[in-house]
Amino acid sequence: MENHTIYYDTIIRLTTAISQCRDPEEVALITAESVKTAFTAKGCSVFLVDRETRELGLVASSGLSTEYLNKGPIHFMQTIKEAKDAIPIAIYDVTDDPRIEYPQEASKEGISSLLGVPIISHNKIIGALRVYTKNPWEFSFNDITLAQAIALICGMAMDMCRMYKGYKTSIEILKNMRGKDSYSSKKWTPYEGVPQSVDKSIHD
C-alpha cells in the first residue's frame, strides 16, 4: 500500500460515481472497487448487518476469490466488532489474532492484514467495510480516516437508493390503484351537476 496524497481526488471520484447510482448493490460494488484501487490493496468487501440472523451479509467485493467469500457465515457479535462497536479495527496479522474467525482461510487467500470500519447511516450501524492487504501493513491514521469517510458516503448513498426505489414503487402502486381511466380528462356538459328538480328555464 502506498501513502495517499490524493485523498480528495479519491473521494470526489467515488462520490461522482455513486451519485449516478440508483441501486444499493451498485453503490456497494463501486465502493469496493474504488477502495481496492485507492489503497492498492488485495481486496475490499462491503457487508450489511442482518438484524434477524445477527450476521454480516456480503453485498459486494473486489479482488477476493469465490472460495474465500463462501468460507462461512460472519457472526456480527463474535468476530471483528467494527460493526458492533462503531470503531475502526486494524489487524496486522490475520493468522495470529483471536478476532479473525477464519484465519486458515485468510492465510490461504493470501491475506496478511485487515482494516474494518463501520458503515453508518442516520446514526445507525448498517454494516462494515473491510480492506485486505497482501503484505503485512500497519494502517496509518490517514488510511483509517479515508476508509471511514468512504464508508460514510457508501452508507448514505445506499440509504438514498433505497428511498428512491421506495418512492418509485409507491408511485407505481398509486397509479395502479387509480387505474388508467382516472387519468382521462372529462368535459362537463352544461347540465352536469344540476339537480333534476330544477326547472330547465333557470339554467338554460
C-alpha atoms as a PDB file:
ATOM      1  CA  MET A   1       0.000   0.000   0.000  1.00  0.00           C
ATOM      2  CA  GLU A   2       1.213   3.498  -0.757  1.00  0.00           C
ATOM      3  CA  ASN A   3       0.945   6.737   1.153  1.00  0.00           C
ATOM      4  CA  HIS A   4      -2.151   8.584  -0.040  1.00  0.00           C
ATOM      5  CA  THR A   5      -1.535  12.057  -1.386  1.00  0.00           C
ATOM      6  CA  ILE A   6      -4.784  12.231  -3.368  1.00  0.00           C
ATOM      7  CA  TYR A   7      -7.450  11.711  -0.710  1.00  0.00           C
ATOM      8  CA  TYR A   8      -9.702  14.412  -2.077  1.00  0.00           C
ATOM      9  CA  ASP A   9      -9.400  13.102  -5.624  1.00  0.00           C
ATOM     10  CA  THR A  10     -10.336   9.601  -4.439  1.00  0.00           C
ATOM     11  CA  ILE A  11     -13.408  10.835  -2.572  1.00  0.00           C
ATOM     12  CA  ILE A  12     -14.516  13.101  -5.432  1.00  0.00           C
ATOM     13  CA  ARG A  13     -14.244  10.289  -7.978  1.00  0.00           C
ATOM     14  CA  LEU A  14     -16.136   7.902  -5.720  1.00  0.00           C
ATOM     15  CA  THR A  15     -18.862  10.425  -4.872  1.00  0.00           C
ATOM     16  CA  THR A  16     -19.327  11.300  -8.537  1.00  0.00           C
ATOM     17  CA  ALA A  17     -19.715   7.642  -9.498  1.00  0.00           C
ATOM     18  CA  ILE A  18     -22.070   6.853  -6.618  1.00  0.00           C
ATOM     19  CA  SER A  19     -24.265   9.889  -7.302  1.00  0.00           C
ATOM     20  CA  GLN A  20     -25.276   8.291 -10.600  1.00  0.00           C
ATOM     21  CA  CYS A  21     -26.368   5.006  -8.971  1.00  0.00           C
ATOM     22  CA  ARG A  22     -29.975   4.067  -8.272  1.00  0.00           C
ATOM     23  CA  ASP A  23     -29.351   0.643  -6.726  1.00  0.00           C
ATOM     24  CA  PRO A  24     -27.777  -0.100  -3.299  1.00  0.00           C
ATOM     25  CA  GLU A  25     -25.845  -3.110  -4.613  1.00  0.00           C
ATOM     26  CA  GLU A  26     -24.325  -0.992  -7.365  1.00  0.00           C
ATOM     27  CA  VAL A  27     -23.219   1.544  -4.751  1.00  0.00           C
ATOM     28  CA  ALA A  28     -21.580  -1.231  -2.715  1.00  0.00           C
ATOM     29  CA  LEU A  29     -19.766  -2.652  -5.754  1.00  0.00           C
ATOM     30  CA  ILE A  30     -18.409   0.734  -6.852  1.00  0.00           C
ATOM     31  CA  THR A  31     -17.280   1.368  -3.272  1.00  0.00           C
ATOM     32  CA  ALA A  32     -15.438  -1.962  -3.034  1.00  0.00           C
ATOM     33  CA  GLU A  33     -13.686  -1.448  -6.370  1.00  0.00           C
ATOM     34  CA  SER A  34     -12.755   2.153  -5.550  1.00  0.00           C
ATOM     35  CA  VAL A  35     -11.322   1.292  -2.134  1.00  0.00           C
ATOM     36  CA  LYS A  36      -9.256  -1.569  -3.546  1.00  0.00           C
ATOM     37  CA  THR A  37      -7.809   0.756  -6.172  1.00  0.00           C
ATOM     38  CA  ALA A  38      -7.241   3.710  -3.816  1.00  0.00           C
ATOM     39  CA  PHE A  39      -5.428   1.560  -1.251  1.00  0.00           C
ATOM     40  CA  THR A  40      -3.690  -0.627  -3.855  1.00  0.00           C
ATOM     41  CA  ALA A  41      -4.955  -3.431  -1.635  1.00  0.00           C
ATOM     42  CA  LYS A  42      -5.538  -7.097  -2.339  1.00  0.00           C
ATOM     43  CA  GLY A  43      -9.279  -6.720  -1.913  1.00  0.00           C
ATOM     44  CA  CYS A  44     -12.226  -4.990  -0.310  1.00  0.00           C
ATOM     45  CA  SER A  45     -15.645  -6.166   0.863  1.00  0.00           C
ATOM     46  CA  VAL A  46     -18.872  -4.415   1.824  1.00  0.00           C
ATOM     47  CA  PHE A  47     -21.206  -6.090   4.333  1.00  0.00           C
ATOM     48  CA  LEU A  48     -24.651  -5.253   5.694  1.00  0.00           C
ATOM     49  CA  VAL A  49     -25.969  -6.388   9.067  1.00  0.00           C
ATOM     50  CA  ASP A  50     -28.855  -8.854   9.063  1.00  0.00           C
ATOM     51  CA  ARG A  51     -30.719  -7.993  12.259  1.00  0.00           C
ATOM     52  CA  GLU A  52     -32.530 -11.331  12.320  1.00  0.00           C
ATOM     53  CA  THR A  53     -29.585 -13.702  11.872  1.00  0.00           C
ATOM     54  CA  ARG A  54     -27.071 -11.378  13.571  1.00  0.00           C
ATOM     55  CA  GLU A  55     -24.638 -11.980  10.739  1.00  0.00           C
ATOM     56  CA  LEU A  56     -22.827  -9.726   8.293  1.00  0.00           C
ATOM     57  CA  GLY A  57     -24.143 -10.443   4.827  1.00  0.00           C
ATOM     58  CA  LEU A  58     -21.797  -9.841   1.891  1.00  0.00           C
ATOM     59  CA  VAL A  59     -23.150  -7.252  -0.538  1.00  0.00           C
ATOM     60  CA  ALA A  60     -20.155  -6.659  -2.800  1.00  0.00           C
ATOM     61  CA  SER A  61     -16.442  -7.392  -3.031  1.00  0.00           C
ATOM     62  CA  SER A  62     -13.450  -6.809  -5.261  1.00  0.00           C
ATOM     63  CA  GLY A  63     -10.215  -8.776  -5.556  1.00  0.00           C
ATOM     64  CA  LEU A  64     -11.238 -11.799  -3.463  1.00  0.00           C
ATOM     65  CA  SER A  65     -11.877 -15.355  -4.631  1.00  0.00           C
ATOM     66  CA  THR A  66     -15.298 -17.014  -4.570  1.00  0.00           C
ATOM     67  CA  GLU A  67     -13.870 -19.726  -2.332  1.00  0.00           C
ATOM     68  CA  TYR A  68     -12.835 -17.213   0.312  1.00  0.00           C
ATOM     69  CA  LEU A  69     -16.110 -15.305   0.096  1.00  0.00           C
ATOM     70  CA  ASN A  70     -18.029 -18.550   0.675  1.00  0.00           C
ATOM     71  CA  LYS A  71     -15.906 -19.647   3.637  1.00  0.00           C
ATOM     72  CA  GLY A  72     -18.824 -19.431   6.072  1.00  0.00           C
ATOM     73  CA  PRO A  73     -21.096 -17.042   7.997  1.00  0.00           C
ATOM     74  CA  ILE A  74     -19.611 -13.947   9.615  1.00  0.00           C
ATOM     75  CA  HIS A  75     -21.141 -13.503  13.058  1.00  0.00           C
ATOM     76  CA  PHE A  76     -21.965  -9.939  13.935  1.00  0.00           C
ATOM     77  CA  MET A  77     -21.384 -10.260  17.685  1.00  0.00           C
ATOM     78  CA  GLN A  78     -18.487 -12.712  17.836  1.00  0.00           C
ATOM     79  CA  THR A  79     -15.935 -11.681  15.233  1.00  0.00           C
ATOM     80  CA  ILE A  80     -14.286  -8.376  14.316  1.00  0.00           C
ATOM     81  CA  LYS A  81     -16.553  -5.861  16.032  1.00  0.00           C
ATOM     82  CA  GLU A  82     -16.193  -2.790  13.852  1.00  0.00           C
ATOM     83  CA  ALA A  83     -19.894  -3.082  13.015  1.00  0.00           C
ATOM     84  CA  LYS A  84     -20.890  -3.573  16.652  1.00  0.00           C
ATOM     85  CA  ASP A  85     -18.782  -1.021  18.498  1.00  0.00           C
ATOM     86  CA  ALA A  86     -18.748   1.561  15.669  1.00  0.00           C
ATOM     87  CA  ILE A  87     -14.965   1.866  15.769  1.00  0.00           C
ATOM     88  CA  PRO A  88     -12.322   1.004  13.173  1.00  0.00           C
ATOM     89  CA  ILE A  89     -10.410  -2.231  13.746  1.00  0.00           C
ATOM     90  CA  ALA A  90      -6.911  -2.723  12.300  1.00  0.00           C
ATOM     91  CA  ILE A  91      -5.362  -6.205  12.395  1.00  0.00           C
ATOM     92  CA  TYR A  92      -1.704  -6.529  11.473  1.00  0.00           C
ATOM     93  CA  ASP A  93      -1.504 -10.340  11.310  1.00  0.00           C
ATOM     94  CA  VAL A  94      -4.724 -12.173  10.455  1.00  0.00           C
ATOM     95  CA  THR A  95      -3.135 -15.550  11.223  1.00  0.00           C
ATOM     96  CA  ASP A  96      -2.399 -14.610  14.836  1.00  0.00           C
ATOM     97  CA  ASP A  97      -5.388 -12.650  16.090  1.00  0.00           C
ATOM     98  CA  PRO A  98      -8.318 -14.134  18.041  1.00  0.00           C
ATOM     99  CA  ARG A  99     -10.759 -11.747  16.368  1.00  0.00           C
ATOM    100  CA  ILE A 100     -10.281 -13.450  13.000  1.00  0.00           C
ATOM    101  CA  GLU A 101     -12.968 -16.098  12.617  1.00  0.00           C
ATOM    102  CA  TYR A 102     -11.363 -17.884   9.657  1.00  0.00           C
ATOM    103  CA  PRO A 103      -7.565 -17.459   9.966  1.00  0.00           C
ATOM    104  CA  GLN A 104      -6.665 -20.500   7.852  1.00  0.00           C
ATOM    105  CA  GLU A 105      -8.907 -19.400   5.004  1.00  0.00           C
ATOM    106  CA  ALA A 106      -7.442 -15.882   5.189  1.00  0.00           C
ATOM    107  CA  SER A 107      -3.905 -17.253   5.035  1.00  0.00           C
ATOM    108  CA  LYS A 108      -4.793 -19.465   2.073  1.00  0.00           C
ATOM    109  CA  GLU A 109      -6.293 -16.457   0.314  1.00  0.00           C
ATOM    110  CA  GLY A 110      -3.008 -14.595   0.760  1.00  0.00           C
ATOM    111  CA  ILE A 111      -4.316 -12.004   3.197  1.00  0.00           C
ATOM    112  CA  SER A 112      -1.886 -10.596   5.751  1.00  0.00           C
ATOM    113  CA  SER A 113      -3.566  -7.545   7.274  1.00  0.00           C
ATOM    114  CA  LEU A 114      -7.111  -6.260   7.572  1.00  0.00           C
ATOM    115  CA  LEU A 115      -8.827  -2.955   8.244  1.00  0.00           C
ATOM    116  CA  GLY A 116     -12.508  -2.902   9.177  1.00  0.00           C
ATOM    117  CA  VAL A 117     -14.620   0.241   9.570  1.00  0.00           C
ATOM    118  CA  PRO A 118     -18.344   0.552  10.313  1.00  0.00           C
ATOM    119  CA  ILE A 119     -20.848   1.720   7.721  1.00  0.00           C
ATOM    120  CA  ILE A 120     -23.139   4.184   9.447  1.00  0.00           C
ATOM    121  CA  SER A 121     -26.246   5.969   8.215  1.00  0.00           C
ATOM    122  CA  HIS A 122     -28.569   8.202  10.260  1.00  0.00           C
ATOM    123  CA  ASN A 123     -26.568   7.333  13.385  1.00  0.00           C
ATOM    124  CA  LYS A 124     -27.257   3.620  12.907  1.00  0.00           C
ATOM    125  CA  ILE A 125     -24.693   0.943  12.127  1.00  0.00           C
ATOM    126  CA  ILE A 126     -25.875  -0.813   8.989  1.00  0.00           C
ATOM    127  CA  GLY A 127     -22.750  -2.733   8.008  1.00  0.00           C
ATOM    128  CA  ALA A 128     -18.995  -2.838   7.629  1.00  0.00           C
ATOM    129  CA  LEU A 129     -16.335  -2.107   5.035  1.00  0.00           C
ATOM    130  CA  ARG A 130     -13.174  -4.222   5.120  1.00  0.00           C
ATOM    131  CA  VAL A 131      -9.858  -3.715   3.369  1.00  0.00           C
ATOM    132  CA  TYR A 132      -7.483  -6.671   2.899  1.00  0.00           C
ATOM    133  CA  THR A 133      -3.759  -6.377   2.138  1.00  0.00           C
ATOM    134  CA  LYS A 134      -1.413  -8.961   0.686  1.00  0.00           C
ATOM    135  CA  ASN A 135       1.616  -7.803   2.677  1.00  0.00           C
ATOM    136  CA  PRO A 136       1.659  -7.006   6.429  1.00  0.00           C
ATOM    137  CA  TRP A 137       0.601  -3.408   6.863  1.00  0.00           C
ATOM    138  CA  GLU A 138       0.350  -1.051   9.803  1.00  0.00           C
ATOM    139  CA  PHE A 139      -2.609   1.101   8.862  1.00  0.00           C
ATOM    140  CA  SER A 140      -1.907   4.781   9.357  1.00  0.00           C
ATOM    141  CA  PHE A 141      -4.270   7.415  10.696  1.00  0.00           C
ATOM    142  CA  ASN A 142      -4.777   8.654   7.138  1.00  0.00           C
ATOM    143  CA  ASP A 143      -5.609   5.127   5.942  1.00  0.00           C
ATOM    144  CA  ILE A 144      -8.270   4.759   8.616  1.00  0.00           C
ATOM    145  CA  THR A 145      -9.699   8.254   8.068  1.00  0.00           C
ATOM    146  CA  LEU A 146     -10.052   7.687   4.322  1.00  0.00           C
ATOM    147  CA  ALA A 147     -11.751   4.312   4.857  1.00  0.00           C
ATOM    148  CA  GLN A 148     -14.163   5.838   7.384  1.00  0.00           C
ATOM    149  CA  ALA A 149     -15.057   8.700   5.045  1.00  0.00           C
ATOM    150  CA  ILE A 150     -15.741   6.302   2.176  1.00  0.00           C
ATOM    151  CA  ALA A 151     -17.828   4.046   4.434  1.00  0.00           C
ATOM    152  CA  LEU A 152     -19.977   7.027   5.472  1.00  0.00           C
ATOM    153  CA  ILE A 153     -20.516   8.031   1.837  1.00  0.00           C
ATOM    154  CA  CYS A 154     -21.405   4.447   0.987  1.00  0.00           C
ATOM    155  CA  GLY A 155     -23.937   4.190   3.824  1.00  0.00           C
ATOM    156  CA  MET A 156     -25.685   7.449   2.947  1.00  0.00           C
ATOM    157  CA  ALA A 157     -25.779   6.572  -0.755  1.00  0.00           C
ATOM    158  CA  MET A 158     -27.292   3.133  -0.127  1.00  0.00           C
ATOM    159  CA  ASP A 159     -29.994   4.680   2.052  1.00  0.00           C
ATOM    160  CA  MET A 160     -30.777   7.249  -0.634  1.00  0.00           C
ATOM    161  CA  CYS A 161     -31.080   4.484  -3.225  1.00  0.00           C
ATOM    162  CA  ARG A 162     -33.487   2.581  -1.006  1.00  0.00           C
ATOM    163  CA  MET A 163     -35.623   5.695  -0.540  1.00  0.00           C
ATOM    164  CA  TYR A 164     -35.580   6.347  -4.292  1.00  0.00           C
ATOM    165  CA  LYS A 165     -36.707   2.796  -5.038  1.00  0.00           C
ATOM    166  CA  GLY A 166     -39.336   3.028  -2.311  1.00  0.00           C
ATOM    167  CA  TYR A 167     -40.775   6.274  -3.685  1.00  0.00           C
ATOM    168  CA  LYS A 168     -40.776   4.868  -7.202  1.00  0.00           C
ATOM    169  CA  THR A 169     -42.594   1.725  -6.069  1.00  0.00           C
ATOM    170  CA  SER A 170     -45.146   3.781  -4.136  1.00  0.00           C
ATOM    171  CA  ILE A 171     -45.898   5.926  -7.180  1.00  0.00           C
ATOM    172  CA  GLU A 172     -46.413   2.848  -9.356  1.00  0.00           C
ATOM    173  CA  ILE A 173     -48.745   1.312  -6.764  1.00  0.00           C
ATOM    174  CA  LEU A 174     -50.809   4.513  -6.592  1.00  0.00           C
ATOM    175  CA  LYS A 175     -51.058   4.638 -10.372  1.00  0.00           C
ATOM    176  CA  ASN A 176     -52.279   1.040 -10.500  1.00  0.00           C
ATOM    177  CA  MET A 177     -54.792   1.690  -7.731  1.00  0.00           C
ATOM    178  CA  ARG A 178     -56.280   4.678  -9.548  1.00  0.00           C
ATOM    179  CA  GLY A 179     -56.411   2.898 -12.878  1.00  0.00           C
ATOM    180  CA  LYS A 180     -55.912   4.269 -16.367  1.00  0.00           C
ATOM    181  CA  ASP A 181     -59.469   5.593 -16.717  1.00  0.00           C
ATOM    182  CA  SER A 182     -58.960   8.102 -13.926  1.00  0.00           C
ATOM    183  CA  TYR A 183     -56.297   9.895 -15.963  1.00  0.00           C
ATOM    184  CA  SER A 184     -58.581  10.619 -18.937  1.00  0.00           C
ATOM    185  CA  SER A 185     -59.999  14.137 -18.926  1.00  0.00           C
ATOM    186  CA  LYS A 186     -63.795  14.545 -18.877  1.00  0.00           C
ATOM    187  CA  LYS A 187     -65.595  17.605 -20.137  1.00  0.00           C
ATOM    188  CA  TRP A 188     -68.687  18.597 -18.264  1.00  0.00           C
ATOM    189  CA  THR A 189     -71.963  19.094 -20.139  1.00  0.00           C
ATOM    190  CA  PRO A 190     -73.899  22.292 -19.474  1.00  0.00           C
ATOM    191  CA  TYR A 191     -76.410  20.390 -17.301  1.00  0.00           C
ATOM    192  CA  GLU A 192     -73.994  18.203 -15.357  1.00  0.00           C
ATOM    193  CA  GLY A 193     -74.299  18.578 -11.633  1.00  0.00           C
ATOM    194  CA  VAL A 194     -77.651  20.348 -11.795  1.00  0.00           C
ATOM    195  CA  PRO A 195     -80.438  18.662  -9.780  1.00  0.00           C
ATOM    196  CA  GLN A 196     -83.231  17.239 -11.942  1.00  0.00           C
ATOM    197  CA  SER A 197     -85.824  19.037  -9.828  1.00  0.00           C
ATOM    198  CA  VAL A 198     -84.539  22.419 -11.051  1.00  0.00           C
ATOM    199  CA  ASP A 199     -86.571  23.869 -13.867  1.00  0.00           C
ATOM    200  CA  LYS A 200     -84.598  23.923 -17.146  1.00  0.00           C
ATOM    201  CA  SER A 201     -85.629  27.526 -17.735  1.00  0.00           C
ATOM    202  CA  ILE A 202     -83.439  28.528 -14.799  1.00  0.00           C
ATOM    203  CA  HIS A 203     -80.197  27.035 -16.114  1.00  0.00           C
ATOM    204  CA  ASP A 204     -80.726  27.359 -19.886  1.00  0.00           C
END
